[in-house]
Amino acid sequence: MDELQELEQLLKELLQGIQQVIQSGEELSDEFQSQLAKTLGILVERIDQLQDENPVEGLHPQQPELQPGPFPSSNVNSFKYDPKSQRLFVKFHGKDSAEAGPIYSYEKVPEHIFDIFRRGAVAPKTSGKNQYHQWFEGVTPSLGASMNALIKAGGYPFKKLR
């Protein structure tokens, strides 16, 4: 087994472990989640380096066709993922209306990270309510909590499209 295969296997096992912990209802400290996100980011970056592939042009970043999430979210309006370019587009709810929210493009997001995100597998750390949805501490699915823990804390390059 070469380094790339070993790292991909390690990443797979780490993500499976994270998902089992989340499903068990065990809470992870903020510090541990932050360190875990950094570690995952470093691991994914090394895997990307080893793959040594040229990026494949995917969706036009100005015109992504976003789809609503599979369940209500107080934070995320819609999203789309392009596995070829590993680009994740996320539209957040706007201040005044759901449709008026900003759209961001996140680069180099591995498909397995997207898969965990789209399932809302990370539970919120707080409970609350806004005009779009109500959420409860420790309850999944949560696109917002998954977005923060996996994508934002993962350090993936991003840019605001609008």
N, C-alpha and C. Protein backbone atom coordinates (compact mmCIF):
# COMPACT_ATOMS: atom_id res chain seq x y z
N MET A 1 0.86 -1.17 0.00
CA MET A 1 0.00 0.00 0.00
C MET A 1 0.91 1.24 0.00
N ASP A 2 0.70 2.15 -0.96
CA ASP A 2 1.52 3.36 -1.03
C ASP A 2 0.98 4.44 -0.09
N GLU A 3 1.71 5.54 0.01
CA GLU A 3 1.35 6.62 0.93
C GLU A 3 -0.05 7.16 0.65
N LEU A 4 -0.38 7.36 -0.62
CA LEU A 4 -1.69 7.89 -0.97
C LEU A 4 -2.80 6.96 -0.48
N GLN A 5 -2.66 5.68 -0.74
CA GLN A 5 -3.68 4.72 -0.31
C GLN A 5 -3.79 4.69 1.21
N GLU A 6 -2.65 4.75 1.89
CA GLU A 6 -2.66 4.74 3.36
C GLU A 6 -3.37 5.97 3.91
N LEU A 7 -3.09 7.14 3.33
CA LEU A 7 -3.72 8.37 3.80
C LEU A 7 -5.21 8.38 3.49
N GLU A 8 -5.59 7.89 2.32
CA GLU A 8 -7.02 7.81 1.99
C GLU A 8 -7.75 6.87 2.94
N GLN A 9 -7.12 5.76 3.29
CA GLN A 9 -7.71 4.81 4.23
C GLN A 9 -7.83 5.45 5.62
N LEU A 10 -6.78 6.15 6.05
CA LEU A 10 -6.80 6.84 7.34
C LEU A 10 -7.93 7.87 7.38
N LEU A 11 -8.06 8.65 6.31
CA LEU A 11 -9.11 9.65 6.25
C LEU A 11 -10.49 9.00 6.33
N LYS A 12 -10.67 7.92 5.60
CA LYS A 12 -11.95 7.20 5.61
C LYS A 12 -12.27 6.72 7.03
N GLU A 13 -11.28 6.14 7.70
CA GLU A 13 -11.50 5.63 9.05
C GLU A 13 -11.77 6.77 10.05
N LEU A 14 -11.07 7.88 9.91
CA LEU A 14 -11.33 9.04 10.78
C LEU A 14 -12.75 9.54 10.60
N LEU A 15 -13.18 9.67 9.36
CA LEU A 15 -14.53 10.17 9.10
C LEU A 15 -15.59 9.21 9.60
N GLN A 16 -15.36 7.92 9.46
CA GLN A 16 -16.29 6.93 9.99
C GLN A 16 -16.36 7.03 11.51
N GLY A 17 -15.21 7.20 12.15
CA GLY A 17 -15.17 7.37 13.60
C GLY A 17 -15.92 8.61 14.05
N ILE A 18 -15.74 9.71 13.34
CA ILE A 18 -16.44 10.95 13.67
C ILE A 18 -17.94 10.75 13.56
N GLN A 19 -18.35 10.10 12.49
CA GLN A 19 -19.78 9.88 12.28
C GLN A 19 -20.35 8.99 13.39
N GLN A 20 -19.62 7.97 13.83
CA GLN A 20 -20.09 7.11 14.91
C GLN A 20 -20.22 7.89 16.22
N VAL A 21 -19.25 8.77 16.50
CA VAL A 21 -19.31 9.58 17.71
C VAL A 21 -20.52 10.50 17.66
N ILE A 22 -20.75 11.12 16.52
CA ILE A 22 -21.89 12.03 16.36
C ILE A 22 -23.19 11.28 16.54
N GLN A 23 -23.29 10.12 15.92
CA GLN A 23 -24.52 9.32 16.02
C GLN A 23 -24.75 8.82 17.44
N SER A 24 -23.71 8.64 18.21
CA SER A 24 -23.85 8.17 19.59
C SER A 24 -24.36 9.27 20.52
N GLY A 25 -24.30 10.52 20.04
CA GLY A 25 -24.77 11.64 20.84
C GLY A 25 -23.70 12.25 21.73
N GLU A 26 -22.50 11.69 21.67
CA GLU A 26 -21.40 12.22 22.48
C GLU A 26 -21.02 13.61 21.96
N GLU A 27 -20.79 14.53 22.89
CA GLU A 27 -20.41 15.89 22.51
C GLU A 27 -18.90 16.02 22.50
N LEU A 28 -18.39 16.70 21.50
CA LEU A 28 -16.96 16.95 21.40
C LEU A 28 -16.70 18.41 21.76
N SER A 29 -15.65 18.66 22.49
CA SER A 29 -15.34 20.03 22.89
C SER A 29 -15.00 20.87 21.66
N ASP A 30 -15.18 22.17 21.81
CA ASP A 30 -14.84 23.09 20.72
C ASP A 30 -13.37 22.95 20.33
N GLU A 31 -12.51 22.84 21.32
CA GLU A 31 -11.08 22.72 21.07
C GLU A 31 -10.77 21.44 20.28
N PHE A 32 -11.41 20.33 20.67
CA PHE A 32 -11.19 19.07 19.97
C PHE A 32 -11.71 19.15 18.54
N GLN A 33 -12.91 19.74 18.35
CA GLN A 33 -13.45 19.87 17.00
C GLN A 33 -12.55 20.73 16.13
N SER A 34 -12.01 21.80 16.69
CA SER A 34 -11.12 22.67 15.94
C SER A 34 -9.85 21.93 15.53
N GLN A 35 -9.28 21.19 16.46
CA GLN A 35 -8.06 20.43 16.16
C GLN A 35 -8.34 19.34 15.13
N LEU A 36 -9.49 18.70 15.25
CA LEU A 36 -9.89 17.66 14.31
C LEU A 36 -10.05 18.24 12.91
N ALA A 37 -10.68 19.40 12.81
CA ALA A 37 -10.85 20.04 11.50
C ALA A 37 -9.50 20.40 10.88
N LYS A 38 -8.57 20.89 11.69
CA LYS A 38 -7.23 21.22 11.19
C LYS A 38 -6.51 19.96 10.70
N THR A 39 -6.61 18.91 11.49
CA THR A 39 -5.96 17.65 11.11
C THR A 39 -6.54 17.10 9.82
N LEU A 40 -7.86 17.13 9.70
CA LEU A 40 -8.51 16.67 8.46
C LEU A 40 -8.06 17.52 7.28
N GLY A 41 -7.95 18.83 7.49
CA GLY A 41 -7.51 19.71 6.43
C GLY A 41 -6.09 19.39 5.96
N ILE A 42 -5.19 19.14 6.90
CA ILE A 42 -3.81 18.79 6.56
C ILE A 42 -3.77 17.46 5.81
N LEU A 43 -4.53 16.51 6.29
CA LEU A 43 -4.58 15.19 5.66
C LEU A 43 -5.10 15.28 4.23
N VAL A 44 -6.18 16.02 4.04
CA VAL A 44 -6.76 16.18 2.71
C VAL A 44 -5.80 16.92 1.79
N GLU A 45 -5.11 17.94 2.32
CA GLU A 45 -4.15 18.68 1.51
C GLU A 45 -3.02 17.77 1.02
N ARG A 46 -2.54 16.89 1.89
CA ARG A 46 -1.48 15.96 1.49
C ARG A 46 -1.99 14.96 0.46
N ILE A 47 -3.20 14.49 0.62
CA ILE A 47 -3.80 13.58 -0.36
C ILE A 47 -3.88 14.28 -1.71
N ASP A 48 -4.33 15.53 -1.70
CA ASP A 48 -4.41 16.29 -2.96
C ASP A 48 -3.04 16.43 -3.62
N GLN A 49 -2.02 16.69 -2.81
CA GLN A 49 -0.66 16.81 -3.36
C GLN A 49 -0.22 15.51 -4.01
N LEU A 50 -0.51 14.40 -3.36
CA LEU A 50 -0.09 13.11 -3.88
C LEU A 50 -0.85 12.72 -5.14
N GLN A 51 -2.06 13.15 -5.25
CA GLN A 51 -2.84 12.83 -6.45
C GLN A 51 -2.27 13.52 -7.68
N ASP A 52 -1.63 14.68 -7.44
CA ASP A 52 -0.93 15.40 -8.49
C ASP A 52 -1.73 15.48 -9.79
N GLU A 53 -2.97 15.87 -9.64
CA GLU A 53 -3.83 16.01 -10.82
C GLU A 53 -4.05 17.47 -11.12
N ASN A 54 -4.21 17.78 -12.40
CA ASN A 54 -4.61 19.13 -12.77
C ASN A 54 -6.08 19.30 -12.45
N PRO A 55 -6.46 20.45 -11.92
CA PRO A 55 -7.89 20.66 -11.64
C PRO A 55 -8.71 20.58 -12.92
N VAL A 56 -9.85 19.99 -12.79
CA VAL A 56 -10.77 19.88 -13.91
C VAL A 56 -11.76 21.02 -13.81
N GLU A 57 -11.92 21.75 -14.89
CA GLU A 57 -12.88 22.84 -14.86
C GLU A 57 -14.28 22.26 -14.75
N GLY A 58 -15.01 22.74 -13.80
CA GLY A 58 -16.36 22.23 -13.57
C GLY A 58 -17.40 23.28 -13.89
N LEU A 59 -18.26 23.50 -12.94
CA LEU A 59 -19.35 24.44 -13.12
C LEU A 59 -18.83 25.86 -13.25
N HIS A 60 -19.50 26.65 -14.01
CA HIS A 60 -19.16 28.07 -14.10
C HIS A 60 -19.48 28.71 -12.75
N PRO A 61 -18.50 29.32 -12.07
CA PRO A 61 -18.71 29.78 -10.70
C PRO A 61 -19.77 30.87 -10.57
N GLN A 62 -20.10 31.56 -11.63
CA GLN A 62 -21.10 32.61 -11.53
C GLN A 62 -22.53 32.10 -11.69
N GLN A 63 -22.70 30.90 -12.22
CA GLN A 63 -24.03 30.40 -12.51
C GLN A 63 -24.30 29.00 -11.96
N PRO A 64 -23.97 28.71 -10.72
CA PRO A 64 -24.26 27.37 -10.22
C PRO A 64 -25.76 27.16 -10.07
N GLU A 65 -26.22 25.97 -10.41
CA GLU A 65 -27.62 25.62 -10.23
C GLU A 65 -27.74 24.94 -8.88
N LEU A 66 -28.13 25.71 -7.88
CA LEU A 66 -28.16 25.21 -6.51
C LEU A 66 -29.49 24.51 -6.23
N GLN A 67 -29.42 23.48 -5.38
CA GLN A 67 -30.59 22.72 -5.00
C GLN A 67 -30.85 22.90 -3.51
N PRO A 68 -32.12 22.98 -3.11
CA PRO A 68 -32.41 23.07 -1.67
C PRO A 68 -31.87 21.86 -0.94
N GLY A 69 -31.53 22.03 0.33
CA GLY A 69 -31.06 20.92 1.14
C GLY A 69 -32.17 19.90 1.34
N PRO A 70 -31.83 18.71 1.79
CA PRO A 70 -32.81 17.65 1.97
C PRO A 70 -33.69 17.84 3.21
N PHE A 71 -33.37 18.85 4.04
CA PHE A 71 -34.15 19.14 5.23
C PHE A 71 -33.99 20.62 5.56
N PRO A 72 -34.89 21.19 6.38
CA PRO A 72 -34.82 22.63 6.68
C PRO A 72 -33.53 23.01 7.39
N SER A 73 -33.06 24.21 7.08
CA SER A 73 -31.86 24.74 7.73
C SER A 73 -32.09 26.21 8.07
N SER A 74 -31.61 26.63 9.20
CA SER A 74 -31.71 28.04 9.59
C SER A 74 -30.58 28.85 8.98
N ASN A 75 -29.63 28.19 8.35
CA ASN A 75 -28.43 28.84 7.85
C ASN A 75 -28.25 28.68 6.35
N VAL A 76 -28.36 27.45 5.86
CA VAL A 76 -28.08 27.11 4.47
C VAL A 76 -29.38 27.08 3.67
N ASN A 77 -29.42 27.87 2.60
CA ASN A 77 -30.59 27.90 1.72
C ASN A 77 -30.54 26.76 0.71
N SER A 78 -29.39 26.62 0.04
CA SER A 78 -29.23 25.59 -0.99
C SER A 78 -27.74 25.37 -1.26
N PHE A 79 -27.45 24.30 -2.00
CA PHE A 79 -26.06 24.00 -2.30
C PHE A 79 -25.97 23.09 -3.52
N LYS A 80 -24.76 22.99 -4.07
CA LYS A 80 -24.47 22.09 -5.17
C LYS A 80 -23.00 21.71 -5.09
N TYR A 81 -22.72 20.48 -5.43
CA TYR A 81 -21.34 19.99 -5.39
C TYR A 81 -20.97 19.42 -6.75
N ASP A 82 -19.77 19.78 -7.21
CA ASP A 82 -19.25 19.23 -8.45
C ASP A 82 -18.08 18.32 -8.10
N PRO A 83 -18.27 16.98 -8.16
CA PRO A 83 -17.20 16.07 -7.76
C PRO A 83 -15.96 16.13 -8.65
N LYS A 84 -16.12 16.51 -9.91
CA LYS A 84 -14.96 16.58 -10.81
C LYS A 84 -14.00 17.69 -10.40
N SER A 85 -14.54 18.84 -10.07
CA SER A 85 -13.68 19.97 -9.69
C SER A 85 -13.53 20.08 -8.17
N GLN A 86 -14.27 19.27 -7.41
CA GLN A 86 -14.29 19.31 -5.95
C GLN A 86 -14.70 20.69 -5.46
N ARG A 87 -15.66 21.28 -6.14
CA ARG A 87 -16.13 22.62 -5.81
C ARG A 87 -17.52 22.52 -5.18
N LEU A 88 -17.68 23.15 -4.04
CA LEU A 88 -18.96 23.19 -3.34
C LEU A 88 -19.48 24.62 -3.38
N PHE A 89 -20.70 24.78 -3.89
CA PHE A 89 -21.36 26.08 -3.91
C PHE A 89 -22.42 26.07 -2.82
N VAL A 90 -22.43 27.11 -1.99
CA VAL A 90 -23.41 27.19 -0.92
C VAL A 90 -24.07 28.56 -0.95
N LYS A 91 -25.39 28.53 -0.94
CA LYS A 91 -26.16 29.78 -0.82
C LYS A 91 -26.74 29.81 0.59
N PHE A 92 -26.43 30.88 1.29
CA PHE A 92 -26.93 31.05 2.65
C PHE A 92 -28.22 31.86 2.60
N HIS A 93 -29.00 31.77 3.66
CA HIS A 93 -30.20 32.60 3.75
C HIS A 93 -29.78 34.06 3.85
N GLY A 94 -30.58 34.92 3.25
CA GLY A 94 -30.32 36.35 3.33
C GLY A 94 -30.87 36.95 4.61
N LYS A 95 -30.44 38.13 4.90
CA LYS A 95 -30.90 38.82 6.11
C LYS A 95 -32.40 39.06 6.06
N ASP A 96 -32.89 39.49 4.90
CA ASP A 96 -34.30 39.83 4.78
C ASP A 96 -35.14 38.75 4.11
N SER A 97 -34.51 37.93 3.25
CA SER A 97 -35.24 36.84 2.60
C SER A 97 -34.28 35.70 2.30
N ALA A 98 -34.85 34.51 2.23
CA ALA A 98 -34.02 33.33 1.97
C ALA A 98 -33.33 33.41 0.62
N GLU A 99 -34.00 33.96 -0.37
CA GLU A 99 -33.45 34.01 -1.72
C GLU A 99 -32.40 35.09 -1.92
N ALA A 100 -32.32 36.05 -1.02
CA ALA A 100 -31.39 37.18 -1.19
C ALA A 100 -30.03 36.94 -0.55
N GLY A 101 -29.76 35.71 -0.13
CA GLY A 101 -28.52 35.43 0.57
C GLY A 101 -27.31 35.33 -0.33
N PRO A 102 -26.13 35.42 0.26
CA PRO A 102 -24.89 35.33 -0.50
C PRO A 102 -24.60 33.90 -0.96
N ILE A 103 -23.83 33.78 -2.04
CA ILE A 103 -23.40 32.49 -2.55
C ILE A 103 -21.87 32.45 -2.46
N TYR A 104 -21.36 31.34 -1.91
CA TYR A 104 -19.92 31.14 -1.80
C TYR A 104 -19.52 29.88 -2.55
N SER A 105 -18.30 29.89 -3.05
CA SER A 105 -17.70 28.74 -3.69
C SER A 105 -16.55 28.27 -2.83
N TYR A 106 -16.57 26.98 -2.44
CA TYR A 106 -15.50 26.39 -1.64
C TYR A 106 -14.75 25.41 -2.53
N GLU A 107 -13.43 25.53 -2.57
CA GLU A 107 -12.59 24.74 -3.47
C GLU A 107 -11.96 23.55 -2.75
N LYS A 108 -11.64 22.52 -3.53
CA LYS A 108 -10.91 21.34 -3.05
C LYS A 108 -11.61 20.62 -1.91
N VAL A 109 -12.94 20.58 -1.94
CA VAL A 109 -13.71 19.87 -0.92
C VAL A 109 -13.85 18.41 -1.37
N PRO A 110 -13.23 17.48 -0.66
CA PRO A 110 -13.32 16.08 -1.06
C PRO A 110 -14.78 15.57 -1.00
N GLU A 111 -15.08 14.64 -1.85
CA GLU A 111 -16.45 14.13 -1.94
C GLU A 111 -16.93 13.54 -0.61
N HIS A 112 -16.05 12.88 0.13
CA HIS A 112 -16.49 12.28 1.40
C HIS A 112 -16.80 13.36 2.44
N ILE A 113 -16.13 14.51 2.39
CA ILE A 113 -16.47 15.62 3.28
C ILE A 113 -17.82 16.20 2.87
N PHE A 114 -18.03 16.36 1.56
CA PHE A 114 -19.33 16.84 1.08
C PHE A 114 -20.44 15.89 1.52
N ASP A 115 -20.20 14.60 1.44
CA ASP A 115 -21.21 13.61 1.80
C ASP A 115 -21.62 13.75 3.26
N ILE A 116 -20.65 13.98 4.14
CA ILE A 116 -20.97 14.19 5.56
C ILE A 116 -21.74 15.49 5.74
N PHE A 117 -21.29 16.55 5.03
CA PHE A 117 -21.98 17.84 5.10
C PHE A 117 -23.43 17.72 4.67
N ARG A 118 -23.67 17.12 3.49
CA ARG A 118 -25.03 17.09 2.94
C ARG A 118 -26.00 16.29 3.81
N ARG A 119 -25.45 15.40 4.62
CA ARG A 119 -26.28 14.62 5.54
C ARG A 119 -26.55 15.39 6.84
N GLY A 120 -25.86 16.51 7.02
CA GLY A 120 -26.02 17.30 8.25
C GLY A 120 -25.57 16.53 9.47
N ALA A 121 -24.47 15.79 9.34
CA ALA A 121 -24.05 14.84 10.36
C ALA A 121 -23.43 15.46 11.62
N VAL A 122 -23.13 16.75 11.60
CA VAL A 122 -22.57 17.40 12.78
C VAL A 122 -23.71 18.12 13.51
N ALA A 123 -23.82 17.86 14.80
CA ALA A 123 -24.90 18.44 15.60
C ALA A 123 -24.56 19.85 16.07
N PRO A 124 -25.58 20.71 16.19
CA PRO A 124 -25.34 22.07 16.70
C PRO A 124 -24.89 22.06 18.16
N LYS A 125 -24.15 23.09 18.53
CA LYS A 125 -23.67 23.22 19.90
C LYS A 125 -24.63 24.04 20.75
N THR A 126 -25.61 24.66 20.10
CA THR A 126 -26.58 25.51 20.80
C THR A 126 -27.99 25.17 20.31
N SER A 127 -28.96 25.74 20.97
CA SER A 127 -30.35 25.67 20.51
C SER A 127 -30.77 27.08 20.16
N GLY A 128 -31.72 27.20 19.25
CA GLY A 128 -32.18 28.53 18.89
C GLY A 128 -33.22 28.49 17.80
N LYS A 129 -33.56 29.69 17.35
CA LYS A 129 -34.59 29.81 16.32
C LYS A 129 -34.37 31.13 15.58
N ASN A 130 -34.57 31.09 14.26
CA ASN A 130 -34.58 32.31 13.48
C ASN A 130 -35.78 32.24 12.55
N GLN A 131 -35.88 33.18 11.62
CA GLN A 131 -37.04 33.21 10.74
C GLN A 131 -37.12 32.03 9.78
N TYR A 132 -36.04 31.28 9.65
CA TYR A 132 -36.00 30.19 8.68
C TYR A 132 -36.21 28.80 9.29
N HIS A 133 -35.79 28.62 10.55
CA HIS A 133 -35.85 27.28 11.13
C HIS A 133 -35.47 27.33 12.60
N GLN A 134 -35.86 26.30 13.34
CA GLN A 134 -35.46 26.15 14.73
C GLN A 134 -34.47 25.00 14.82
N TRP A 135 -33.46 25.10 15.70
CA TRP A 135 -32.48 24.04 15.86
C TRP A 135 -32.26 23.76 17.34
N PHE A 136 -31.77 22.56 17.62
CA PHE A 136 -31.59 22.12 19.00
C PHE A 136 -30.18 21.57 19.20
N GLU A 137 -29.60 21.91 20.34
CA GLU A 137 -28.25 21.44 20.66
C GLU A 137 -28.18 19.92 20.60
N GLY A 138 -27.17 19.42 19.90
CA GLY A 138 -26.91 17.99 19.86
C GLY A 138 -27.81 17.18 18.93
N VAL A 139 -28.69 17.83 18.18
CA VAL A 139 -29.63 17.10 17.33
C VAL A 139 -29.24 17.24 15.86
N THR A 140 -29.16 16.12 15.17
CA THR A 140 -28.91 16.14 13.74
C THR A 140 -30.20 15.74 13.04
N PRO A 141 -30.36 16.09 11.78
CA PRO A 141 -29.37 16.70 10.90
C PRO A 141 -29.29 18.21 11.09
N SER A 142 -28.13 18.75 10.79
CA SER A 142 -27.91 20.19 10.84
C SER A 142 -26.92 20.61 9.76
N LEU A 143 -27.43 21.23 8.71
CA LEU A 143 -26.55 21.72 7.66
C LEU A 143 -25.65 22.85 8.17
N GLY A 144 -26.20 23.73 8.99
CA GLY A 144 -25.42 24.86 9.50
C GLY A 144 -24.24 24.41 10.34
N ALA A 145 -24.49 23.51 11.30
CA ALA A 145 -23.41 23.02 12.15
C ALA A 145 -22.39 22.24 11.33
N SER A 146 -22.87 21.47 10.36
CA SER A 146 -21.96 20.70 9.50
C SER A 146 -21.13 21.65 8.64
N MET A 147 -21.75 22.71 8.15
CA MET A 147 -21.04 23.70 7.35
C MET A 147 -19.90 24.31 8.17
N ASN A 148 -20.20 24.70 9.40
CA ASN A 148 -19.18 25.33 10.24
C ASN A 148 -18.07 24.37 10.61
N ALA A 149 -18.43 23.15 11.02
CA ALA A 149 -17.42 22.21 11.52
C ALA A 149 -16.59 21.57 10.41
N LEU A 150 -17.20 21.29 9.27
CA LEU A 150 -16.49 20.57 8.22
C LEU A 150 -15.89 21.48 7.15
N ILE A 151 -16.66 22.43 6.69
CA ILE A 151 -16.22 23.24 5.54
C ILE A 151 -15.46 24.48 6.01
N LYS A 152 -16.09 25.30 6.83
CA LYS A 152 -15.42 26.53 7.28
C LYS A 152 -14.20 26.22 8.12
N ALA A 153 -14.35 25.39 9.14
CA ALA A 153 -13.21 25.06 10.01
C ALA A 153 -12.19 24.19 9.28
N GLY A 154 -12.61 23.53 8.19
CA GLY A 154 -11.68 22.72 7.42
C GLY A 154 -10.69 23.54 6.62
N GLY A 155 -10.92 24.83 6.52
CA GLY A 155 -9.97 25.72 5.88
C GLY A 155 -9.93 25.65 4.36
N TYR A 156 -11.02 25.21 3.75
CA TYR A 156 -11.03 25.12 2.29
C TYR A 156 -11.05 26.52 1.69
N PRO A 157 -10.28 26.75 0.64
CA PRO A 157 -10.28 28.07 -0.01
C PRO A 157 -11.69 28.41 -0.48
N PHE A 158 -12.08 29.66 -0.31
CA PHE A 158 -13.42 30.05 -0.71
C PHE A 158 -13.42 31.45 -1.30
N LYS A 159 -14.49 31.74 -2.00
CA LYS A 159 -14.69 33.11 -2.48
C LYS A 159 -16.18 33.38 -2.55
N LYS A 160 -16.52 34.62 -2.28
CA LYS A 160 -17.90 35.04 -2.36
C LYS A 160 -18.22 35.35 -3.82
N LEU A 161 -19.28 34.70 -4.34
CA LEU A 161 -19.66 34.93 -5.74
C LEU A 161 -20.68 36.06 -5.86
N ARG A 162 -21.51 36.20 -4.87
CA ARG A 162 -22.45 37.32 -4.82
C ARG A 162 -23.01 37.49 -3.43
